[in-house]
């Protein structure tokens, strides 16, 4: 499911999907960067008016402008370099980075006993040696029971196999 954005193009209301909106915004910003300040506003208004005409030709009432329609309109009007050399840099707002949720896994490679310490180290972004030393100290100083380590070994899933060789050697060891 894609997000849709309502915009006015050439004083007409349109609904664009998110990809089409970004492409159209980049296209207009690129054209703006190639024009003088004096002529910029008039030319952009003319281009928006032509874009609105092109979108109206392809849409029924209530339709959504897609990235394919935007690319077709850009091909009809012409690429931004038709409007001359770039005079200033394009200032586009950066899109926020989406962080993947972190998951706790037992490490398959470089594991000493079960991969629990390596997995915990990966999860928190620290060196596995530090986690192993702390675990050793806690187990033998009485702060962490060996049973807690065994329970973590049982309940924390193993790291997913990422490449062909991991899957191949795992199958070979099952024989």
Protein backbone atom coordinates (compact mmCIF):
# COMPACT_ATOMS: atom_id res chain seq x y z
CA UNK A 1 0.00 0.00 0.00
CA UNK A 2 1.44 3.37 -1.02
CA UNK A 3 0.83 6.73 0.52
CA UNK A 4 -0.98 9.30 -1.59
CA UNK A 5 -0.44 13.02 -1.44
CA UNK A 6 -2.89 15.70 -2.51
CA UNK A 7 -1.22 18.59 -4.37
CA UNK A 8 -2.15 21.53 -6.55
CA UNK A 9 -0.41 21.53 -9.92
CA UNK A 10 -1.23 24.42 -12.20
CA UNK A 11 -4.07 25.47 -9.87
CA UNK A 12 -5.73 22.05 -10.21
CA UNK A 13 -5.98 19.43 -7.47
CA UNK A 14 -4.35 16.04 -8.04
CA UNK A 15 -3.64 12.97 -5.95
CA UNK A 16 -0.14 11.57 -6.46
CA UNK A 17 1.38 8.44 -5.04
CA UNK A 18 4.51 8.97 -2.99
CA UNK A 19 6.99 7.92 -5.69
CA UNK A 20 5.36 10.17 -8.28
CA UNK A 21 5.39 13.09 -5.85
CA UNK A 22 9.12 12.69 -5.13
CA UNK A 23 10.00 12.38 -8.82
CA UNK A 24 7.93 15.44 -9.74
CA UNK A 25 9.39 17.45 -6.87
CA UNK A 26 12.94 16.52 -7.94
CA UNK A 27 12.17 17.41 -11.56
CA UNK A 28 10.79 20.86 -10.70
CA UNK A 29 13.67 21.56 -8.30
CA UNK A 30 16.16 20.61 -11.02
CA UNK A 31 14.49 23.00 -13.47
CA UNK A 32 14.47 25.77 -10.83
CA UNK A 33 18.21 25.29 -10.31
CA UNK A 34 18.80 25.95 -14.02
CA UNK A 35 16.79 29.18 -14.32
CA UNK A 36 17.44 32.81 -13.36
CA UNK A 37 15.45 34.14 -10.42
CA UNK A 38 13.62 36.58 -12.70
CA UNK A 39 12.27 34.00 -15.13
CA UNK A 40 12.01 31.09 -12.71
CA UNK A 41 8.49 31.71 -11.41
CA UNK A 42 6.87 32.22 -14.83
CA UNK A 43 8.54 29.18 -16.37
CA UNK A 44 7.63 26.94 -13.42
CA UNK A 45 4.00 28.09 -13.62
CA UNK A 46 3.91 27.27 -17.34
CA UNK A 47 5.45 23.83 -16.74
CA UNK A 48 2.99 23.11 -13.93
CA UNK A 49 0.12 24.14 -16.18
CA UNK A 50 1.34 21.79 -18.92
CA UNK A 51 1.82 18.98 -16.37
CA UNK A 52 -1.77 19.50 -15.18
CA UNK A 53 -3.02 19.24 -18.78
CA UNK A 54 -1.06 16.03 -19.35
CA UNK A 55 -2.30 14.46 -16.10
CA UNK A 56 -5.91 15.42 -16.89
CA UNK A 57 -5.65 13.67 -20.27
CA UNK A 58 -4.68 10.40 -18.57
CA UNK A 59 -6.90 10.50 -15.49
CA UNK A 60 -10.54 9.92 -14.84
CA UNK A 61 -12.12 11.76 -11.95
CA UNK A 62 -10.58 10.59 -8.69
CA UNK A 63 -7.62 8.82 -10.30
CA UNK A 64 -4.15 8.76 -8.82
CA UNK A 65 -1.09 10.03 -10.68
CA UNK A 66 1.55 7.31 -10.73
CA UNK A 67 5.30 7.37 -11.30
CA UNK A 68 4.73 6.08 -14.85
CA UNK A 69 2.52 9.07 -15.64
CA UNK A 70 5.10 11.45 -14.21
CA UNK A 71 7.87 9.87 -16.29
CA UNK A 72 5.69 10.14 -19.40
CA UNK A 73 4.97 13.80 -18.68
CA UNK A 74 8.66 14.52 -18.15
CA UNK A 75 9.45 12.81 -21.46
CA UNK A 76 6.80 14.97 -23.15
CA UNK A 77 8.01 18.25 -21.68
CA UNK A 78 11.70 17.38 -21.83
CA UNK A 79 14.42 16.61 -19.32
CA UNK A 80 15.61 19.38 -17.04
CA UNK A 81 18.88 19.84 -18.94
CA UNK A 82 16.83 21.29 -21.83
CA UNK A 83 16.46 24.41 -19.67
CA UNK A 84 20.19 25.16 -19.57
CA UNK A 85 23.13 24.59 -17.29
CA UNK A 86 22.61 24.25 -13.57
CA UNK A 87 23.29 27.61 -11.87
CA UNK A 88 22.87 26.54 -8.26
CA UNK A 89 22.81 23.31 -6.34
CA UNK A 90 19.53 21.54 -5.78
CA UNK A 91 18.39 21.80 -2.20
CA UNK A 92 16.27 18.79 -1.43
CA UNK A 93 15.32 17.75 2.04
CA UNK A 94 16.78 14.43 2.93
CA UNK A 95 14.44 11.59 3.65
CA UNK A 96 14.57 10.27 7.18
CA UNK A 97 16.43 7.02 7.53
CA UNK A 98 14.35 4.13 8.68
CA UNK A 99 16.20 1.97 11.15
CA UNK A 100 15.64 -1.74 11.07
CA UNK A 101 14.48 -3.13 14.37
CA UNK A 102 17.31 -4.86 16.16
CA UNK A 103 16.84 -8.53 16.90
CA UNK A 104 18.70 -10.65 19.39
CA UNK A 105 20.25 -13.76 17.85
CA UNK A 106 22.90 -16.24 18.90
CA UNK A 107 25.95 -15.76 16.70
CA UNK A 108 26.73 -18.66 14.34
CA UNK A 109 30.28 -17.66 13.45
CA UNK A 110 32.90 -16.88 16.06
CA UNK A 111 30.93 -18.48 18.87
CA UNK A 112 32.63 -20.02 21.88
CA UNK A 113 29.82 -21.75 23.76
CA UNK A 114 26.48 -21.48 21.99
CA UNK A 115 27.02 -17.98 20.58
CA UNK A 116 25.00 -16.23 23.31
CA UNK A 117 27.71 -13.70 24.29
CA UNK A 118 28.45 -12.92 20.63
CA UNK A 119 24.76 -12.35 19.94
CA UNK A 120 24.36 -10.07 22.96
CA UNK A 121 27.47 -8.15 21.86
CA UNK A 122 26.06 -7.72 18.34
CA UNK A 123 22.73 -6.54 19.74
CA UNK A 124 24.30 -3.84 21.90
CA UNK A 125 27.08 -2.99 19.43
CA UNK A 126 30.03 -3.81 21.67
CA UNK A 127 32.98 -6.17 21.44
CA UNK A 128 32.18 -9.83 22.09
CA UNK A 129 35.31 -10.25 24.20
CA UNK A 130 34.01 -7.72 26.73
CA UNK A 131 30.69 -9.55 27.02
CA UNK A 132 32.48 -12.90 27.41
CA UNK A 133 34.71 -11.53 30.17
CA UNK A 134 31.75 -9.99 32.01
CA UNK A 135 29.79 -13.23 31.71
CA UNK A 136 32.75 -15.21 33.03
CA UNK A 137 33.11 -12.84 35.98
CA UNK A 138 29.39 -12.88 36.79
CA UNK A 139 29.11 -16.68 36.59
CA UNK A 140 32.08 -17.30 38.85
CA UNK A 141 31.43 -14.40 41.23
CA UNK A 142 27.85 -15.48 41.84
CA UNK A 143 26.04 -12.61 40.05
CA UNK A 144 24.79 -14.64 37.10
CA UNK A 145 23.82 -18.23 37.36
CA UNK A 146 24.99 -20.72 34.78
CA UNK A 147 21.31 -21.61 34.41
CA UNK A 148 20.55 -18.12 33.04
CA UNK A 149 23.16 -18.66 30.33
CA UNK A 150 21.68 -22.08 29.44
CA UNK A 151 18.14 -20.63 29.33
CA UNK A 152 19.34 -17.84 27.04
CA UNK A 153 21.04 -20.46 24.86
CA UNK A 154 17.73 -22.32 24.56
CA UNK A 155 15.39 -19.36 23.97
CA UNK A 156 17.47 -16.98 21.85
CA UNK A 157 17.18 -18.11 18.22
CA UNK A 158 20.26 -18.77 16.13
CA UNK A 159 21.35 -16.15 13.62
CA UNK A 160 19.69 -16.70 10.21
CA UNK A 161 21.81 -18.31 7.55
CA UNK A 162 22.83 -15.59 5.13
CA UNK A 163 24.62 -17.29 2.29
CA UNK A 164 24.83 -20.50 0.33
CA UNK A 165 27.93 -21.80 2.11
CA UNK A 166 26.32 -21.62 5.56
CA UNK A 167 23.33 -23.60 4.34
CA UNK A 168 25.53 -26.09 2.43
CA UNK A 169 27.86 -26.88 5.33
CA UNK A 170 24.92 -27.11 7.73
CA UNK A 171 23.27 -29.74 5.50
CA UNK A 172 26.56 -31.58 5.10
CA UNK A 173 26.98 -31.86 8.88
CA UNK A 174 23.45 -33.34 9.20
CA UNK A 175 24.51 -36.46 7.27
